[in-house]
Amino acid sequence: MRNHLKIYFVDLKWFAAGYQPENLDTVDIASIVGDVEQIRTKLGLEQPLIMGHSIHGTIATEYVKKYGDKVSGLVVIGSPTQWGNEAYTKQADALWQTASAERKTLQEENWEK
């Protein structure tokens, strides 16, 4: 892929150095999709192929649903079909209940970072 495409690696804002925590009640899939559009515009990308893995793939899918005329294609890898709704929340809660204590500790440490 690197031989044939110009690749930009972009992550969600809360992974960025210097990110200032915000009211998470205002963060939803629509606001994150807006962030992606802002990034596309700032980079001057006219018809990028957008790709995402895991939850980023779900975000990429939602982006393409809203801004499909601004992309040349979509690649989704190992992503949930939905995010930020009741079905997703129930599934995530059920998986959390079955996780080992060690896995939960590791995840909580990662969230704190």
PDB file of N, CA and C in Angstrom:
ATOM      1  N   MET A   1       0.814  -1.192   0.000  1.00  0.00           N
ATOM      2  CA  MET A   1       0.000   0.000   0.000  1.00  0.00           C
ATOM      3  C   MET A   1       0.863   1.263   0.000  1.00  0.00           C
ATOM      4  N   ARG A   2       1.935   1.223   0.762  1.00  0.00           N
ATOM      5  CA  ARG A   2       2.801   2.404   0.844  1.00  0.00           C
ATOM      6  C   ARG A   2       3.452   2.732  -0.494  1.00  0.00           C
ATOM      7  N   ASN A   3       3.596   1.737  -1.362  1.00  0.00           N
ATOM      8  CA  ASN A   3       4.197   1.978  -2.670  1.00  0.00           C
ATOM      9  C   ASN A   3       3.225   2.625  -3.648  1.00  0.00           C
ATOM     10  N   HIS A   4       1.929   2.572  -3.348  1.00  0.00           N
ATOM     11  CA  HIS A   4       0.932   3.031  -4.300  1.00  0.00           C
ATOM     12  C   HIS A   4       0.028   4.149  -3.778  1.00  0.00           C
ATOM     13  N   LEU A   5       0.082   4.407  -2.488  1.00  0.00           N
ATOM     14  CA  LEU A   5      -0.803   5.402  -1.888  1.00  0.00           C
ATOM     15  C   LEU A   5      -0.025   6.369  -1.002  1.00  0.00           C
ATOM     16  N   LYS A   6      -0.500   7.577  -0.908  1.00  0.00           N
ATOM     17  CA  LYS A   6       0.009   8.512   0.090  1.00  0.00           C
ATOM     18  C   LYS A   6      -0.865   8.292   1.320  1.00  0.00           C
ATOM     19  N   ILE A   7      -0.252   7.906   2.432  1.00  0.00           N
ATOM     20  CA  ILE A   7      -1.007   7.494   3.610  1.00  0.00           C
ATOM     21  C   ILE A   7      -0.847   8.514   4.729  1.00  0.00           C
ATOM     22  N   TYR A   8      -1.967   8.890   5.325  1.00  0.00           N
ATOM     23  CA  TYR A   8      -1.991   9.740   6.508  1.00  0.00           C
ATOM     24  C   TYR A   8      -2.506   8.886   7.659  1.00  0.00           C
ATOM     25  N   PHE A   9      -1.783   8.867   8.758  1.00  0.00           N
ATOM     26  CA  PHE A   9      -2.222   8.147   9.943  1.00  0.00           C
ATOM     27  C   PHE A   9      -2.801   9.166  10.912  1.00  0.00           C
ATOM     28  N   VAL A  10      -4.085   9.121  11.115  1.00  0.00           N
ATOM     29  CA  VAL A  10      -4.770  10.089  11.956  1.00  0.00           C
ATOM     30  C   VAL A  10      -5.537   9.332  13.021  1.00  0.00           C
ATOM     31  N   ASP A  11      -5.410   9.774  14.256  1.00  0.00           N
ATOM     32  CA  ASP A  11      -6.111   9.135  15.358  1.00  0.00           C
ATOM     33  C   ASP A  11      -7.114  10.105  15.943  1.00  0.00           C
ATOM     34  N   LEU A  12      -7.957   9.617  16.801  1.00  0.00           N
ATOM     35  CA  LEU A  12      -8.937  10.474  17.454  1.00  0.00           C
ATOM     36  C   LEU A  12      -8.248  11.466  18.381  1.00  0.00           C
ATOM     37  N   LYS A  13      -8.890  12.603  18.578  1.00  0.00           N
ATOM     38  CA  LYS A  13      -8.252  13.712  19.288  1.00  0.00           C
ATOM     39  C   LYS A  13      -7.813  13.366  20.701  1.00  0.00           C
ATOM     40  N   TRP A  14      -8.502  12.478  21.388  1.00  0.00           N
ATOM     41  CA  TRP A  14      -8.127  12.189  22.774  1.00  0.00           C
ATOM     42  C   TRP A  14      -6.849  11.372  22.889  1.00  0.00           C
ATOM     43  N   PHE A  15      -6.299  10.947  21.770  1.00  0.00           N
ATOM     44  CA  PHE A  15      -5.000  10.286  21.778  1.00  0.00           C
ATOM     45  C   PHE A  15      -3.856  11.267  21.521  1.00  0.00           C
ATOM     46  N   ALA A  16      -4.188  12.512  21.199  1.00  0.00           N
ATOM     47  CA  ALA A  16      -3.179  13.502  20.835  1.00  0.00           C
ATOM     48  C   ALA A  16      -2.495  14.083  22.066  1.00  0.00           C
ATOM     49  N   ALA A  17      -1.210  14.354  21.919  1.00  0.00           N
ATOM     50  CA  ALA A  17      -0.467  15.024  22.996  1.00  0.00           C
ATOM     51  C   ALA A  17      -1.104  16.386  23.232  1.00  0.00           C
ATOM     52  N   GLY A  18      -1.266  16.746  24.475  1.00  0.00           N
ATOM     53  CA  GLY A  18      -1.819  18.044  24.816  1.00  0.00           C
ATOM     54  C   GLY A  18      -3.336  18.117  24.777  1.00  0.00           C
ATOM     55  N   TYR A  19      -3.992  16.982  24.549  1.00  0.00           N
ATOM     56  CA  TYR A  19      -5.459  16.979  24.524  1.00  0.00           C
ATOM     57  C   TYR A  19      -6.000  17.427  25.874  1.00  0.00           C
ATOM     58  N   GLN A  20      -6.922  18.353  25.843  1.00  0.00           N
ATOM     59  CA  GLN A  20      -7.573  18.825  27.058  1.00  0.00           C
ATOM     60  C   GLN A  20      -8.906  18.104  27.204  1.00  0.00           C
ATOM     61  N   PRO A  21      -9.089  17.376  28.309  1.00  0.00           N
ATOM     62  CA  PRO A  21     -10.358  16.652  28.493  1.00  0.00           C
ATOM     63  C   PRO A  21     -11.562  17.583  28.311  1.00  0.00           C
ATOM     64  N   GLU A  22     -12.601  17.019  27.745  1.00  0.00           N
ATOM     65  CA  GLU A  22     -13.815  17.784  27.498  1.00  0.00           C
ATOM     66  C   GLU A  22     -15.009  17.054  28.092  1.00  0.00           C
ATOM     67  N   ASN A  23     -16.134  17.694  28.095  1.00  0.00           N
ATOM     68  CA  ASN A  23     -17.356  17.091  28.597  1.00  0.00           C
ATOM     69  C   ASN A  23     -17.754  15.958  27.652  1.00  0.00           C
ATOM     70  N   LEU A  24     -17.636  14.730  28.109  1.00  0.00           N
ATOM     71  CA  LEU A  24     -17.907  13.585  27.240  1.00  0.00           C
ATOM     72  C   LEU A  24     -19.375  13.461  26.869  1.00  0.00           C
ATOM     73  N   ASP A  25     -20.247  14.209  27.565  1.00  0.00           N
ATOM     74  CA  ASP A  25     -21.656  14.210  27.179  1.00  0.00           C
ATOM     75  C   ASP A  25     -21.860  14.872  25.818  1.00  0.00           C
ATOM     76  N   THR A  26     -20.884  15.663  25.391  1.00  0.00           N
ATOM     77  CA  THR A  26     -20.992  16.341  24.097  1.00  0.00           C
ATOM     78  C   THR A  26     -20.309  15.554  22.982  1.00  0.00           C
ATOM     79  N   VAL A  27     -19.641  14.463  23.324  1.00  0.00           N
ATOM     80  CA  VAL A  27     -18.940  13.658  22.325  1.00  0.00           C
ATOM     81  C   VAL A  27     -19.839  12.499  21.916  1.00  0.00           C
ATOM     82  N   ASP A  28     -20.206  12.489  20.650  1.00  0.00           N
ATOM     83  CA  ASP A  28     -20.996  11.388  20.112  1.00  0.00           C
ATOM     84  C   ASP A  28     -20.496  11.102  18.698  1.00  0.00           C
ATOM     85  N   ILE A  29     -21.108  10.139  18.047  1.00  0.00           N
ATOM     86  CA  ILE A  29     -20.624   9.751  16.728  1.00  0.00           C
ATOM     87  C   ILE A  29     -20.699  10.924  15.751  1.00  0.00           C
ATOM     88  N   ALA A  30     -21.721  11.761  15.875  1.00  0.00           N
ATOM     89  CA  ALA A  30     -21.857  12.908  14.968  1.00  0.00           C
ATOM     90  C   ALA A  30     -20.727  13.914  15.172  1.00  0.00           C
ATOM     91  N   SER A  31     -20.345  14.167  16.426  1.00  0.00           N
ATOM     92  CA  SER A  31     -19.267  15.129  16.667  1.00  0.00           C
ATOM     93  C   SER A  31     -17.924  14.578  16.202  1.00  0.00           C
ATOM     94  N   ILE A  32     -17.726  13.278  16.346  1.00  0.00           N
ATOM     95  CA  ILE A  32     -16.475  12.663  15.906  1.00  0.00           C
ATOM     96  C   ILE A  32     -16.393  12.667  14.378  1.00  0.00           C
ATOM     97  N   VAL A  33     -17.509  12.385  13.722  1.00  0.00           N
ATOM     98  CA  VAL A  33     -17.551  12.461  12.256  1.00  0.00           C
ATOM     99  C   VAL A  33     -17.219  13.885  11.807  1.00  0.00           C
ATOM    100  N   GLY A  34     -17.705  14.877  12.544  1.00  0.00           N
ATOM    101  CA  GLY A  34     -17.361  16.267  12.250  1.00  0.00           C
ATOM    102  C   GLY A  34     -15.875  16.523  12.388  1.00  0.00           C
ATOM    103  N   ASP A  35     -15.245  15.894  13.392  1.00  0.00           N
ATOM    104  CA  ASP A  35     -13.791  16.016  13.558  1.00  0.00           C
ATOM    105  C   ASP A  35     -13.056  15.441  12.350  1.00  0.00           C
ATOM    106  N   VAL A  36     -13.528  14.301  11.852  1.00  0.00           N
ATOM    107  CA  VAL A  36     -12.894  13.669  10.686  1.00  0.00           C
ATOM    108  C   VAL A  36     -13.009  14.586   9.469  1.00  0.00           C
ATOM    109  N   GLU A  37     -14.167  15.203   9.294  1.00  0.00           N
ATOM    110  CA  GLU A  37     -14.342  16.122   8.163  1.00  0.00           C
ATOM    111  C   GLU A  37     -13.414  17.320   8.304  1.00  0.00           C
ATOM    112  N   GLN A  38     -13.244  17.794   9.506  1.00  0.00           N
ATOM    113  CA  GLN A  38     -12.326  18.915   9.753  1.00  0.00           C
ATOM    114  C   GLN A  38     -10.892  18.522   9.373  1.00  0.00           C
ATOM    115  N   ILE A  39     -10.490  17.306   9.726  1.00  0.00           N
ATOM    116  CA  ILE A  39      -9.156  16.812   9.397  1.00  0.00           C
ATOM    117  C   ILE A  39      -8.988  16.715   7.876  1.00  0.00           C
ATOM    118  N   ARG A  40      -9.986  16.125   7.208  1.00  0.00           N
ATOM    119  CA  ARG A  40      -9.917  15.992   5.745  1.00  0.00           C
ATOM    120  C   ARG A  40      -9.744  17.357   5.096  1.00  0.00           C
ATOM    121  N   THR A  41     -10.508  18.320   5.560  1.00  0.00           N
ATOM    122  CA  THR A  41     -10.445  19.672   5.006  1.00  0.00           C
ATOM    123  C   THR A  41      -9.087  20.314   5.271  1.00  0.00           C
ATOM    124  N   LYS A  42      -8.590  20.215   6.500  1.00  0.00           N
ATOM    125  CA  LYS A  42      -7.305  20.831   6.863  1.00  0.00           C
ATOM    126  C   LYS A  42      -6.155  20.243   6.058  1.00  0.00           C
ATOM    127  N   LEU A  43      -6.232  18.943   5.782  1.00  0.00           N
ATOM    128  CA  LEU A  43      -5.174  18.291   4.998  1.00  0.00           C
ATOM    129  C   LEU A  43      -5.328  18.549   3.500  1.00  0.00           C
ATOM    130  N   GLY A  44      -6.444  19.136   3.101  1.00  0.00           N
ATOM    131  CA  GLY A  44      -6.663  19.433   1.689  1.00  0.00           C
ATOM    132  C   GLY A  44      -6.910  18.194   0.846  1.00  0.00           C
ATOM    133  N   LEU A  45      -7.492  17.174   1.434  1.00  0.00           N
ATOM    134  CA  LEU A  45      -7.738  15.920   0.719  1.00  0.00           C
ATOM    135  C   LEU A  45      -9.090  15.992   0.010  1.00  0.00           C
ATOM    136  N   GLU A  46      -9.069  15.811  -1.308  1.00  0.00           N
ATOM    137  CA  GLU A  46     -10.302  15.971  -2.072  1.00  0.00           C
ATOM    138  C   GLU A  46     -11.146  14.697  -2.125  1.00  0.00           C
ATOM    139  N   GLN A  47     -10.576  13.572  -2.388  1.00  0.00           N
ATOM    140  CA  GLN A  47     -11.326  12.316  -2.498  1.00  0.00           C
ATOM    141  C   GLN A  47     -10.508  11.180  -1.888  1.00  0.00           C
ATOM    142  N   PRO A  48     -10.216  11.241  -0.582  1.00  0.00           N
ATOM    143  CA  PRO A  48      -9.373  10.196  -0.001  1.00  0.00           C
ATOM    144  C   PRO A  48     -10.111   8.865   0.104  1.00  0.00           C
ATOM    145  N   LEU A  49      -9.336   7.822   0.116  1.00  0.00           N
ATOM    146  CA  LEU A  49      -9.819   6.503   0.499  1.00  0.00           C
ATOM    147  C   LEU A  49      -9.695   6.501   2.019  1.00  0.00           C
ATOM    148  N   ILE A  50     -10.774   6.270   2.726  1.00  0.00           N
ATOM    149  CA  ILE A  50     -10.730   6.318   4.182  1.00  0.00           C
ATOM    150  C   ILE A  50     -10.749   4.887   4.725  1.00  0.00           C
ATOM    151  N   MET A  51      -9.904   4.645   5.716  1.00  0.00           N
ATOM    152  CA  MET A  51      -9.775   3.310   6.278  1.00  0.00           C
ATOM    153  C   MET A  51      -9.772   3.406   7.793  1.00  0.00           C
ATOM    154  N   GLY A  52     -10.381   2.439   8.455  1.00  0.00           N
ATOM    155  CA  GLY A  52     -10.355   2.405   9.903  1.00  0.00           C
ATOM    156  C   GLY A  52     -10.370   0.987  10.420  1.00  0.00           C
ATOM    157  N   HIS A  53      -9.755   0.817  11.572  1.00  0.00           N
ATOM    158  CA  HIS A  53      -9.701  -0.473  12.252  1.00  0.00           C
ATOM    159  C   HIS A  53     -10.411  -0.349  13.593  1.00  0.00           C
ATOM    160  N   SER A  54     -11.105  -1.394  13.988  1.00  0.00           N
ATOM    161  CA  SER A  54     -11.821  -1.435  15.256  1.00  0.00           C
ATOM    162  C   SER A  54     -12.835  -0.292  15.288  1.00  0.00           C
ATOM    163  N   ILE A  55     -12.906   0.437  16.378  1.00  0.00           N
ATOM    164  CA  ILE A  55     -13.914   1.493  16.480  1.00  0.00           C
ATOM    165  C   ILE A  55     -13.671   2.588  15.444  1.00  0.00           C
ATOM    166  N   HIS A  56     -12.416   2.749  15.019  1.00  0.00           N
ATOM    167  CA  HIS A  56     -12.121   3.744  13.982  1.00  0.00           C
ATOM    168  C   HIS A  56     -12.776   3.358  12.651  1.00  0.00           C
ATOM    169  N   GLY A  57     -12.945   2.069  12.411  1.00  0.00           N
ATOM    170  CA  GLY A  57     -13.652   1.621  11.215  1.00  0.00           C
ATOM    171  C   GLY A  57     -15.126   1.968  11.271  1.00  0.00           C
ATOM    172  N   THR A  58     -15.692   1.866  12.457  1.00  0.00           N
ATOM    173  CA  THR A  58     -17.094   2.250  12.630  1.00  0.00           C
ATOM    174  C   THR A  58     -17.251   3.749  12.388  1.00  0.00           C
ATOM    175  N   ILE A  59     -16.315   4.525  12.909  1.00  0.00           N
ATOM    176  CA  ILE A  59     -16.340   5.975  12.692  1.00  0.00           C
ATOM    177  C   ILE A  59     -16.174   6.281  11.199  1.00  0.00           C
ATOM    178  N   ALA A  60     -15.251   5.594  10.543  1.00  0.00           N
ATOM    179  CA  ALA A  60     -15.051   5.799   9.105  1.00  0.00           C
ATOM    180  C   ALA A  60     -16.339   5.484   8.341  1.00  0.00           C
ATOM    181  N   THR A  61     -17.033   4.428   8.727  1.00  0.00           N
ATOM    182  CA  THR A  61     -18.291   4.059   8.076  1.00  0.00           C
ATOM    183  C   THR A  61     -19.326   5.166   8.253  1.00  0.00           C
ATOM    184  N   GLU A  62     -19.446   5.677   9.461  1.00  0.00           N
ATOM    185  CA  GLU A  62     -20.398   6.757   9.721  1.00  0.00           C
ATOM    186  C   GLU A  62     -20.009   8.013   8.948  1.00  0.00           C
ATOM    187  N   TYR A  63     -18.715   8.268   8.825  1.00  0.00           N
ATOM    188  CA  TYR A  63     -18.240   9.411   8.048  1.00  0.00           C
ATOM    189  C   TYR A  63     -18.689   9.272   6.597  1.00  0.00           C
ATOM    190  N   VAL A  64     -18.488   8.100   6.027  1.00  0.00           N
ATOM    191  CA  VAL A  64     -18.839   7.879   4.628  1.00  0.00           C
ATOM    192  C   VAL A  64     -20.356   7.972   4.429  1.00  0.00           C
ATOM    193  N   LYS A  65     -21.131   7.570   5.413  1.00  0.00           N
ATOM    194  CA  LYS A  65     -22.586   7.718   5.303  1.00  0.00           C
ATOM    195  C   LYS A  65     -22.974   9.188   5.145  1.00  0.00           C
ATOM    196  N   LYS A  66     -22.267  10.068   5.834  1.00  0.00           N
ATOM    197  CA  LYS A  66     -22.594  11.496   5.789  1.00  0.00           C
ATOM    198  C   LYS A  66     -21.871  12.226   4.663  1.00  0.00           C
ATOM    199  N   TYR A  67     -20.613  11.872   4.413  1.00  0.00           N
ATOM    200  CA  TYR A  67     -19.778  12.596   3.460  1.00  0.00           C
ATOM    201  C   TYR A  67     -19.300  11.702   2.318  1.00  0.00           C
ATOM    202  N   GLY A  68     -20.118  10.786   1.892  1.00  0.00           N
ATOM    203  CA  GLY A  68     -19.721   9.828   0.861  1.00  0.00           C
ATOM    204  C   GLY A  68     -19.257  10.458  -0.438  1.00  0.00           C
ATOM    205  N   ASP A  69     -19.750  11.650  -0.746  1.00  0.00           N
ATOM    206  CA  ASP A  69     -19.347  12.329  -1.971  1.00  0.00           C
ATOM    207  C   ASP A  69     -17.941  12.910  -1.869  1.00  0.00           C
ATOM    208  N   LYS A  70     -17.348  12.883  -0.673  1.00  0.00           N
ATOM    209  CA  LYS A  70     -16.022  13.469  -0.468  1.00  0.00           C
ATOM    210  C   LYS A  70     -14.923  12.411  -0.363  1.00  0.00           C
ATOM    211  N   VAL A  71     -15.267  11.135  -0.566  1.00  0.00           N
ATOM    212  CA  VAL A  71     -14.274  10.061  -0.481  1.00  0.00           C
ATOM    213  C   VAL A  71     -14.315   9.203  -1.740  1.00  0.00           C
ATOM    214  N   SER A  72     -13.197   8.519  -1.986  1.00  0.00           N
ATOM    215  CA  SER A  72     -13.150   7.618  -3.139  1.00  0.00           C
ATOM    216  C   SER A  72     -13.496   6.188  -2.745  1.00  0.00           C
ATOM    217  N   GLY A  73     -13.430   5.892  -1.448  1.00  0.00           N
ATOM    218  CA  GLY A  73     -13.753   4.541  -1.002  1.00  0.00           C
ATOM    219  C   GLY A  73     -13.586   4.397   0.495  1.00  0.00           C
ATOM    220  N   LEU A  74     -13.945   3.226   0.982  1.00  0.00           N
ATOM    221  CA  LEU A  74     -13.923   2.917   2.409  1.00  0.00           C
ATOM    222  C   LEU A  74     -13.355   1.522   2.621  1.00  0.00           C
ATOM    223  N   VAL A  75     -12.438   1.395   3.583  1.00  0.00           N
ATOM    224  CA  VAL A  75     -11.908   0.100   4.004  1.00  0.00           C
ATOM    225  C   VAL A  75     -12.132  -0.003   5.502  1.00  0.00           C
ATOM    226  N   VAL A  76     -12.807  -1.065   5.932  1.00  0.00           N
ATOM    227  CA  VAL A  76     -13.109  -1.275   7.345  1.00  0.00           C
ATOM    228  C   VAL A  76     -12.514  -2.617   7.756  1.00  0.00           C
ATOM    229  N   ILE A  77     -11.758  -2.603   8.863  1.00  0.00           N
ATOM    230  CA  ILE A  77     -11.065  -3.808   9.308  1.00  0.00           C
ATOM    231  C   ILE A  77     -11.445  -4.113  10.749  1.00  0.00           C
ATOM    232  N   GLY A  78     -12.034  -5.270  10.991  1.00  0.00           N
ATOM    233  CA  GLY A  78     -12.322  -5.743  12.348  1.00  0.00           C
ATOM    234  C   GLY A  78     -13.093  -4.744  13.189  1.00  0.00           C
ATOM    235  N   SER A  79     -14.185  -4.211  12.654  1.00  0.00           N
ATOM    236  CA  SER A  79     -14.919  -3.156  13.339  1.00  0.00           C
ATOM    237  C   SER A  79     -16.319  -3.604  13.723  1.00  0.00           C
ATOM    238  N   PRO A  80     -16.819  -3.080  14.855  1.00  0.00           N
ATOM    239  CA  PRO A  80     -18.222  -3.351  15.193  1.00  0.00           C
ATOM    240  C   PRO A  80     -19.122  -2.646  14.183  1.00  0.00           C
ATOM    241  N   THR A  81     -20.293  -3.209  13.949  1.00  0.00           N
ATOM    242  CA  THR A  81     -21.191  -2.623  12.957  1.00  0.00           C
ATOM    243  C   THR A  81     -21.862  -1.356  13.468  1.00  0.00           C
ATOM    244  N   GLN A  82     -21.901  -1.191  14.770  1.00  0.00           N
ATOM    245  CA  GLN A  82     -22.530  -0.003  15.341  1.00  0.00           C
ATOM    246  C   GLN A  82     -21.736   0.442  16.553  1.00  0.00           C
ATOM    247  N   TRP A  83     -21.909   1.691  16.903  1.00  0.00           N
ATOM    248  CA  TRP A  83     -21.238   2.236  18.080  1.00  0.00           C
ATOM    249  C   TRP A  83     -22.088   3.349  18.648  1.00  0.00           C
ATOM    250  N   GLY A  84     -22.077   3.469  19.950  1.00  0.00           N
ATOM    251  CA  GLY A  84     -22.780   4.575  20.582  1.00  0.00           C
ATOM    252  C   GLY A  84     -24.275   4.390  20.649  1.00  0.00           C
ATOM    253  N   ASN A  85     -24.735   3.148  20.592  1.00  0.00           N
ATOM    254  CA  ASN A  85     -26.166   2.921  20.752  1.00  0.00           C
ATOM    255  C   ASN A  85     -26.398   1.852  21.817  1.00  0.00           C
ATOM    256  N   GLU A  86     -27.630   1.579  22.103  1.00  0.00           N
ATOM    257  CA  GLU A  86     -27.971   0.663  23.191  1.00  0.00           C
ATOM    258  C   GLU A  86     -27.455  -0.762  22.938  1.00  0.00           C
ATOM    259  N   ALA A  87     -27.554  -1.249  21.710  1.00  0.00           N
ATOM    260  CA  ALA A  87     -27.085  -2.607  21.401  1.00  0.00           C
ATOM    261  C   ALA A  87     -25.581  -2.733  21.641  1.00  0.00           C
ATOM    262  N   TYR A  88     -24.837  -1.733  21.206  1.00  0.00           N
ATOM    263  CA  TYR A  88     -23.390  -1.746  21.417  1.00  0.00           C
ATOM    264  C   TYR A  88     -23.058  -1.699  22.904  1.00  0.00           C
ATOM    265  N   THR A  89     -23.728  -0.819  23.625  1.00  0.00           N
ATOM    266  CA  THR A  89     -23.470  -0.665  25.060  1.00  0.00           C
ATOM    267  C   THR A  89     -23.752  -1.966  25.812  1.00  0.00           C
ATOM    268  N   LYS A  90     -24.843  -2.633  25.486  1.00  0.00           N
ATOM    269  CA  LYS A  90     -25.168  -3.911  26.138  1.00  0.00           C
ATOM    270  C   LYS A  90     -24.089  -4.954  25.855  1.00  0.00           C
ATOM    271  N   GLN A  91     -23.645  -5.030  24.599  1.00  0.00           N
ATOM    272  CA  GLN A  91     -22.612  -6.001  24.227  1.00  0.00           C
ATOM    273  C   GLN A  91     -21.295  -5.695  24.929  1.00  0.00           C
ATOM    274  N   ALA A  92     -20.903  -4.425  24.960  1.00  0.00           N
ATOM    275  CA  ALA A  92     -19.655  -4.041  25.622  1.00  0.00           C
ATOM    276  C   ALA A  92     -19.726  -4.347  27.116  1.00  0.00           C
ATOM    277  N   ASP A  93     -20.860  -4.075  27.739  1.00  0.00           N
ATOM    278  CA  ASP A  93     -21.035  -4.371  29.167  1.00  0.00           C
ATOM    279  C   ASP A  93     -20.938  -5.873  29.431  1.00  0.00           C
ATOM    280  N   ALA A  94     -21.558  -6.673  28.570  1.00  0.00           N
ATOM    281  CA  ALA A  94     -21.509  -8.129  28.736  1.00  0.00           C
ATOM    282  C   ALA A  94     -20.079  -8.646  28.595  1.00  0.00           C
ATOM    283  N   LEU A  95     -19.336  -8.117  27.629  1.00  0.00           N
ATOM    284  CA  LEU A  95     -17.950  -8.543  27.451  1.00  0.00           C
ATOM    285  C   LEU A  95     -17.084  -8.122  28.636  1.00  0.00           C
ATOM    286  N   TRP A  96     -17.321  -6.938  29.163  1.00  0.00           N
ATOM    287  CA  TRP A  96     -16.569  -6.451  30.321  1.00  0.00           C
ATOM    288  C   TRP A  96     -16.778  -7.381  31.515  1.00  0.00           C
ATOM    289  N   GLN A  97     -17.982  -7.874  31.699  1.00  0.00           N
ATOM    290  CA  GLN A  97     -18.293  -8.757  32.823  1.00  0.00           C
ATOM    291  C   GLN A  97     -17.519 -10.074  32.733  1.00  0.00           C
ATOM    292  N   THR A  98     -17.187 -10.510  31.539  1.00  0.00           N
ATOM    293  CA  THR A  98     -16.483 -11.786  31.377  1.00  0.00           C
ATOM    294  C   THR A  98     -14.967 -11.624  31.311  1.00  0.00           C
ATOM    295  N   ALA A  99     -14.486 -10.384  31.284  1.00  0.00           N
ATOM    296  CA  ALA A  99     -13.039 -10.146  31.203  1.00  0.00           C
ATOM    297  C   ALA A  99     -12.361 -10.523  32.517  1.00  0.00           C
ATOM    298  N   SER A 100     -11.131 -11.000  32.431  1.00  0.00           N
ATOM    299  CA  SER A 100     -10.367 -11.348  33.627  1.00  0.00           C
ATOM    300  C   SER A 100     -10.003 -10.088  34.403  1.00  0.00           C
ATOM    301  N   ALA A 101      -9.712 -10.257  35.673  1.00  0.00           N
ATOM    302  CA  ALA A 101      -9.295  -9.127  36.510  1.00  0.00           C
ATOM    303  C   ALA A 101      -8.039  -8.473  35.932  1.00  0.00           C
ATOM    304  N   GLU A 102      -7.124  -9.290  35.435  1.00  0.00           N
ATOM    305  CA  GLU A 102      -5.895  -8.768  34.841  1.00  0.00           C
ATOM    306  C   GLU A 102      -6.204  -7.897  33.610  1.00  0.00           C
ATOM    307  N   ARG A 103      -7.107  -8.360  32.755  1.00  0.00           N
ATOM    308  CA  ARG A 103      -7.477  -7.615  31.550  1.00  0.00           C
ATOM    309  C   ARG A 103      -8.155  -6.295  31.922  1.00  0.00           C
ATOM    310  N   LYS A 104      -9.031  -6.351  32.934  1.00  0.00           N
ATOM    311  CA  LYS A 104      -9.721  -5.132  33.374  1.00  0.00           C
ATOM    312  C   LYS A 104      -8.721  -4.108  33.924  1.00  0.00           C
ATOM    313  N   THR A 105      -7.761  -4.578  34.693  1.00  0.00           N
ATOM    314  CA  THR A 105      -6.747  -3.669  35.241  1.00  0.00           C
ATOM    315  C   THR A 105      -5.944  -3.030  34.123  1.00  0.00           C
ATOM    316  N   LEU A 106      -5.524  -3.820  33.163  1.00  0.00           N
ATOM    317  CA  LEU A 106      -4.771  -3.300  32.022  1.00  0.00           C
ATOM    318  C   LEU A 106      -5.586  -2.257  31.257  1.00  0.00           C
ATOM    319  N   GLN A 107      -6.854  -2.547  31.018  1.00  0.00           N
ATOM    320  CA  GLN A 107      -7.710  -1.602  30.283  1.00  0.00           C
ATOM    321  C   GLN A 107      -7.881  -0.302  31.072  1.00  0.00           C
ATOM    322  N   GLU A 108      -8.109  -0.402  32.350  1.00  0.00           N
ATOM    323  CA  GLU A 108      -8.282   0.799  33.174  1.00  0.00           C
ATOM    324  C   GLU A 108      -6.998   1.642  33.196  1.00  0.00           C
ATOM    325  N   GLU A 109      -5.850   0.993  33.234  1.00  0.00           N
ATOM    326  CA  GLU A 109      -4.581   1.729  33.173  1.00  0.00           C
ATOM    327  C   GLU A 109      -4.429   2.443  31.833  1.00  0.00           C
ATOM    328  N   ASN A 110      -4.829   1.783  30.754  1.00  0.00           N
ATOM    329  CA  ASN A 110      -4.761   2.397  29.420  1.00  0.00           C
ATOM    330  C   ASN A 110      -5.698   3.596  29.320  1.00  0.00           C
ATOM    331  N   TRP A 111      -6.890   3.494  29.883  1.00  0.00           N
ATOM    332  CA  TRP A 111      -7.831   4.604  29.856  1.00  0.00           C
ATOM    333  C   TRP A 111      -7.266   5.806  30.609  1.00  0.00           C
ATOM    334  N   GLU A 112      -6.607   5.545  31.724  1.00  0.00           N
ATOM    335  CA  GLU A 112      -6.037   6.637  32.521  1.00  0.00           C
ATOM    336  C   GLU A 112      -4.927   7.359  31.773  1.00  0.00           C
ATOM    337  N   LYS A 113      -4.167   6.624  30.944  1.00  0.00           N
ATOM    338  CA  LYS A 113      -3.089   7.240  30.179  1.00  0.00           C
ATOM    339  C   LYS A 113      -3.656   8.131  29.117  1.00  0.00           C
TER     340      LYS A 113
END
